Structure formats: structure tokens, C-alpha cells
C-alpha atoms as a PDB file:
ATOM      1  CA  MET A   1      20.337  -6.929  31.217  1.00  0.00           C
ATOM      2  CA  ILE A   2      23.454  -9.331  30.937  1.00  0.00           C
ATOM      3  CA  ASP A   3      26.159  -9.208  33.352  1.00  0.00           C
ATOM      4  CA  PHE A   4      29.661 -10.098  31.774  1.00  0.00           C
ATOM      5  CA  ARG A   5      31.681 -10.125  34.920  1.00  0.00           C
ATOM      6  CA  LYS A   6      29.307 -12.843  36.106  1.00  0.00           C
ATOM      7  CA  TRP A   7      29.435 -14.760  32.874  1.00  0.00           C
ATOM      8  CA  ILE A   8      33.656 -14.723  32.231  1.00  0.00           C
ATOM      9  CA  LEU A   9      33.786 -15.706  35.657  1.00  0.00           C
ATOM     10  CA  ALA A  10      31.595 -18.832  35.426  1.00  0.00           C
ATOM     11  CA  ILE A  11      34.525 -19.963  33.109  1.00  0.00           C
ATOM     12  CA  ILE A  12      37.234 -18.571  34.986  1.00  0.00           C
ATOM     13  CA  CYS A  13      35.855 -19.556  38.621  1.00  0.00           C
ATOM     14  CA  PRO A  14      32.668 -21.515  38.491  1.00  0.00           C
ATOM     15  CA  PRO A  15      31.973 -21.248  42.252  1.00  0.00           C
ATOM     16  CA  ALA A  16      32.924 -17.348  42.547  1.00  0.00           C
ATOM     17  CA  ALA A  17      29.677 -16.896  40.050  1.00  0.00           C
ATOM     18  CA  VAL A  18      26.990 -18.160  42.174  1.00  0.00           C
ATOM     19  CA  LEU A  19      28.425 -16.955  44.949  1.00  0.00           C
ATOM     20  CA  ASP A  20      24.440 -14.869  45.053  1.00  0.00           C
ATOM     21  CA  ARG A  21      22.992 -18.468  46.015  1.00  0.00           C
ATOM     22  CA  GLU A  22      22.154 -20.606  48.502  1.00  0.00           C
ATOM     23  CA  VAL A  23      25.194 -22.164  49.788  1.00  0.00           C
ATOM     24  CA  GLY A  24      24.618 -25.707  48.780  1.00  0.00           C
ATOM     25  CA  THR A  25      24.655 -24.288  45.146  1.00  0.00           C
ATOM     26  CA  ILE A  26      27.492 -22.929  45.620  1.00  0.00           C
ATOM     27  CA  MET A  27      28.981 -26.148  47.279  1.00  0.00           C
ATOM     28  CA  LEU A  28      27.402 -28.483  44.303  1.00  0.00           C
ATOM     29  CA  VAL A  29      29.294 -26.175  41.449  1.00  0.00           C
ATOM     30  CA  GLY A  30      32.427 -25.979  43.600  1.00  0.00           C
ATOM     31  CA  LEU A  31      32.026 -30.368  43.896  1.00  0.00           C
ATOM     32  CA  LEU A  32      31.681 -30.103  40.013  1.00  0.00           C
ATOM     33  CA  THR A  33      34.688 -27.742  39.392  1.00  0.00           C
ATOM     34  CA  LEU A  34      37.199 -30.091  41.614  1.00  0.00           C
ATOM     35  CA  LEU A  35      35.817 -33.234  39.797  1.00  0.00           C
ATOM     36  CA  PHE A  36      35.984 -32.370  35.633  1.00  0.00           C
ATOM     37  CA  TRP A  37      36.124 -28.021  35.618  1.00  0.00           C
ATOM     38  CA  VAL A  38      33.450 -28.523  33.033  1.00  0.00           C
ATOM     39  CA  PRO A  39      30.767 -29.881  34.356  1.00  0.00           C
ATOM     40  CA  GLY A  40      31.567 -26.747  37.214  1.00  0.00           C
ATOM     41  CA  VAL A  41      31.039 -24.044  34.182  1.00  0.00           C
ATOM     42  CA  VAL A  42      27.885 -25.959  32.474  1.00  0.00           C
ATOM     43  CA  ALA A  43      26.190 -25.363  35.844  1.00  0.00           C
ATOM     44  CA  ALA A  44      26.968 -21.856  36.643  1.00  0.00           C
ATOM     45  CA  LEU A  45      25.961 -20.870  33.305  1.00  0.00           C
ATOM     46  CA  PHE A  46      23.103 -22.933  33.555  1.00  0.00           C
ATOM     47  CA  LEU A  47      22.067 -21.221  36.209  1.00  0.00           C
ATOM     48  CA  LEU A  48      22.859 -17.395  35.513  1.00  0.00           C
ATOM     49  CA  ILE A  49      20.958 -17.804  32.290  1.00  0.00           C
ATOM     50  CA  GLU A  50      17.994 -19.609  34.799  1.00  0.00           C
ATOM     51  CA  ARG A  51      18.521 -16.118  36.888  1.00  0.00           C
ATOM     52  CA  GLN A  52      18.575 -13.850  33.624  1.00  0.00           C
ATOM     53  CA  THR A  53      15.070 -15.726  32.580  1.00  0.00           C
ATOM     54  CA  GLN A  54      13.419 -15.535  35.805  1.00  0.00           C
ATOM     55  CA  ARG A  55      14.645 -11.609  35.941  1.00  0.00           C
ATOM     56  CA  SER A  56      13.184 -11.185  32.263  1.00  0.00           C
ATOM     57  CA  ARG A  57      10.348 -12.615  33.248  1.00  0.00           C
ATOM     58  CA  SER A  58       9.228 -10.171  36.284  1.00  0.00           C
ATOM     59  CA  GLN A  59       9.803  -7.193  34.616  1.00  0.00           C
ATOM     60  CA  THR A  60       6.616  -8.200  31.686  1.00  0.00           C
END
């Protein structure tokens, strides 16, 4: 199931969208966001898509 709140959060504040990940991941997304913002958004969206595909594979 898609969590639209996280997708919106990934666009507005990417590090907040990946708070359920490891500290290094949060820091990487935060650094990318501070540099240019767009790479942070892309990284957060990629991580959300990756988590969603992992959950769908584990349910099958």
C-alpha cells in the first residue's frame, strides 16, 4: 500500500521521509538535500520505491 504522506514528505523534506531507515541513510539524504535539494528528493523517492517493492515481494 502506498503511503501518500511519505511521498509528499519526500518532495517537501526528503530526510523526514526516510526517518525509518538507518542513520547513515538519513544523513546521506540530508546531505544531498542540503547540496541541491533535487538529488535528496530523488534519493528519498528511490528509497521509498525500494521499500515498497521489498514489502510486496515478501507478501507473495
